[in-house]
């Protein structure tokens, strides 16, 4: 989104599905590793649910909380909710 005098211009960007799938796969693998480490079997507490919001830039790069890979251009967001089975 950009601003011109008294108007807002919204620009759409096409993202390659294969690029987005690759980014998503890497993100989910990293999340699995982190959640496994956070949920140790000998712990007195059990991790039951995690909710994350991620940002997707115009190039299909996924970043957690907008950190890393941030570039100017269109952005979108997704929310993931991981719940124990």
C-alpha atoms as a PDB file:
ATOM      1  CA  UNK A   1       0.000   0.000   0.000  1.00  0.00           C
ATOM      2  CA  UNK A   2       1.331   3.443  -0.820  1.00  0.00           C
ATOM      3  CA  UNK A   3      -0.068   6.913  -0.338  1.00  0.00           C
ATOM      4  CA  UNK A   4      -0.405   9.678  -2.855  1.00  0.00           C
ATOM      5  CA  UNK A   5      -1.908  13.035  -2.169  1.00  0.00           C
ATOM      6  CA  UNK A   6      -5.405  12.373  -0.749  1.00  0.00           C
ATOM      7  CA  UNK A   7      -5.565   8.746  -1.985  1.00  0.00           C
ATOM      8  CA  UNK A   8      -4.355   5.285  -1.082  1.00  0.00           C
ATOM      9  CA  UNK A   9      -3.017   2.972  -3.783  1.00  0.00           C
ATOM     10  CA  UNK A  10      -3.113  -0.779  -3.076  1.00  0.00           C
ATOM     11  CA  UNK A  11      -0.815  -2.937  -5.179  1.00  0.00           C
ATOM     12  CA  UNK A  12      -1.246  -6.691  -5.567  1.00  0.00           C
ATOM     13  CA  UNK A  13       1.675  -9.034  -6.142  1.00  0.00           C
ATOM     14  CA  UNK A  14       1.506 -12.542  -7.529  1.00  0.00           C
ATOM     15  CA  UNK A  15       3.472 -15.095  -5.538  1.00  0.00           C
ATOM     16  CA  UNK A  16       4.688 -18.360  -7.035  1.00  0.00           C
ATOM     17  CA  UNK A  17       2.912 -21.248  -5.329  1.00  0.00           C
ATOM     18  CA  UNK A  18       6.081 -23.362  -5.321  1.00  0.00           C
ATOM     19  CA  UNK A  19       7.996 -20.545  -3.578  1.00  0.00           C
ATOM     20  CA  UNK A  20       5.251 -20.156  -0.979  1.00  0.00           C
ATOM     21  CA  UNK A  21       5.084 -23.931  -0.410  1.00  0.00           C
ATOM     22  CA  UNK A  22       8.865 -24.071   0.076  1.00  0.00           C
ATOM     23  CA  UNK A  23       8.778 -21.200   2.578  1.00  0.00           C
ATOM     24  CA  UNK A  24       5.810 -22.741   4.408  1.00  0.00           C
ATOM     25  CA  UNK A  25       7.510 -26.147   4.626  1.00  0.00           C
ATOM     26  CA  UNK A  26      10.646 -24.617   6.145  1.00  0.00           C
ATOM     27  CA  UNK A  27       8.604 -22.550   8.591  1.00  0.00           C
ATOM     28  CA  UNK A  28       6.518 -25.534   9.755  1.00  0.00           C
ATOM     29  CA  UNK A  29       9.612 -27.730  10.178  1.00  0.00           C
ATOM     30  CA  UNK A  30      11.234 -25.054  12.348  1.00  0.00           C
ATOM     31  CA  UNK A  31       8.024 -24.716  14.403  1.00  0.00           C
ATOM     32  CA  UNK A  32       7.866 -28.487  14.972  1.00  0.00           C
ATOM     33  CA  UNK A  33      11.441 -28.487  16.264  1.00  0.00           C
ATOM     34  CA  UNK A  34      10.789 -25.552  18.588  1.00  0.00           C
ATOM     35  CA  UNK A  35       7.551 -27.022  19.939  1.00  0.00           C
ATOM     36  CA  UNK A  36       9.218 -30.395  20.540  1.00  0.00           C
ATOM     37  CA  UNK A  37      11.944 -28.674  22.566  1.00  0.00           C
ATOM     38  CA  UNK A  38       9.383 -26.639  24.521  1.00  0.00           C
ATOM     39  CA  UNK A  39       7.370 -29.728  25.453  1.00  0.00           C
ATOM     40  CA  UNK A  40       9.773 -31.976  27.356  1.00  0.00           C
ATOM     41  CA  UNK A  41       8.260 -35.229  28.743  1.00  0.00           C
ATOM     42  CA  UNK A  42       9.779 -34.731  32.220  1.00  0.00           C
ATOM     43  CA  UNK A  43       8.375 -31.206  32.596  1.00  0.00           C
ATOM     44  CA  UNK A  44       5.716 -30.398  35.196  1.00  0.00           C
ATOM     45  CA  UNK A  45       3.940 -28.238  32.607  1.00  0.00           C
ATOM     46  CA  UNK A  46       2.485 -29.290  29.283  1.00  0.00           C
ATOM     47  CA  UNK A  47       2.300 -27.087  26.218  1.00  0.00           C
ATOM     48  CA  UNK A  48      -1.296 -27.371  25.029  1.00  0.00           C
ATOM     49  CA  UNK A  49      -1.748 -24.701  22.383  1.00  0.00           C
ATOM     50  CA  UNK A  50       0.308 -22.153  20.417  1.00  0.00           C
ATOM     51  CA  UNK A  51      -1.036 -19.445  18.132  1.00  0.00           C
ATOM     52  CA  UNK A  52       1.301 -17.604  15.774  1.00  0.00           C
ATOM     53  CA  UNK A  53       0.825 -14.842  13.247  1.00  0.00           C
ATOM     54  CA  UNK A  54       3.186 -14.770  10.303  1.00  0.00           C
ATOM     55  CA  UNK A  55       3.694 -12.211   7.589  1.00  0.00           C
ATOM     56  CA  UNK A  56       4.084 -13.033   3.911  1.00  0.00           C
ATOM     57  CA  UNK A  57       5.747 -10.399   1.763  1.00  0.00           C
ATOM     58  CA  UNK A  58       5.193  -9.753  -1.938  1.00  0.00           C
ATOM     59  CA  UNK A  59       7.935 -12.252  -2.824  1.00  0.00           C
ATOM     60  CA  UNK A  60       6.366 -15.069  -0.785  1.00  0.00           C
ATOM     61  CA  UNK A  61       8.905 -14.856   2.054  1.00  0.00           C
ATOM     62  CA  UNK A  62       7.433 -15.864   5.414  1.00  0.00           C
ATOM     63  CA  UNK A  63       8.513 -14.147   8.614  1.00  0.00           C
ATOM     64  CA  UNK A  64       7.381 -14.480  12.197  1.00  0.00           C
ATOM     65  CA  UNK A  65       6.114 -11.193  13.666  1.00  0.00           C
ATOM     66  CA  UNK A  66       7.434  -9.391  10.582  1.00  0.00           C
ATOM     67  CA  UNK A  67      11.045 -10.183  11.564  1.00  0.00           C
ATOM     68  CA  UNK A  68      13.455 -11.207   8.818  1.00  0.00           C
ATOM     69  CA  UNK A  69      12.935 -10.998   5.106  1.00  0.00           C
ATOM     70  CA  UNK A  70      11.136  -7.691   5.423  1.00  0.00           C
ATOM     71  CA  UNK A  71      11.151  -5.770   2.183  1.00  0.00           C
ATOM     72  CA  UNK A  72       9.053  -2.986   0.823  1.00  0.00           C
ATOM     73  CA  UNK A  73       6.053  -4.128  -1.123  1.00  0.00           C
ATOM     74  CA  UNK A  74       2.788  -5.920  -0.580  1.00  0.00           C
ATOM     75  CA  UNK A  75       2.296  -7.947   2.552  1.00  0.00           C
ATOM     76  CA  UNK A  76      -0.253 -10.446   3.792  1.00  0.00           C
ATOM     77  CA  UNK A  77      -0.642 -12.406   6.983  1.00  0.00           C
ATOM     78  CA  UNK A  78      -1.669 -15.869   8.162  1.00  0.00           C
ATOM     79  CA  UNK A  79      -2.439 -17.130  11.636  1.00  0.00           C
ATOM     80  CA  UNK A  80      -1.520 -20.692  12.634  1.00  0.00           C
ATOM     81  CA  UNK A  81      -3.038 -22.352  15.671  1.00  0.00           C
ATOM     82  CA  UNK A  82      -1.260 -25.504  16.849  1.00  0.00           C
ATOM     83  CA  UNK A  83      -3.263 -27.565  19.349  1.00  0.00           C
ATOM     84  CA  UNK A  84      -2.283 -30.763  21.093  1.00  0.00           C
ATOM     85  CA  UNK A  85      -4.076 -33.887  19.848  1.00  0.00           C
END
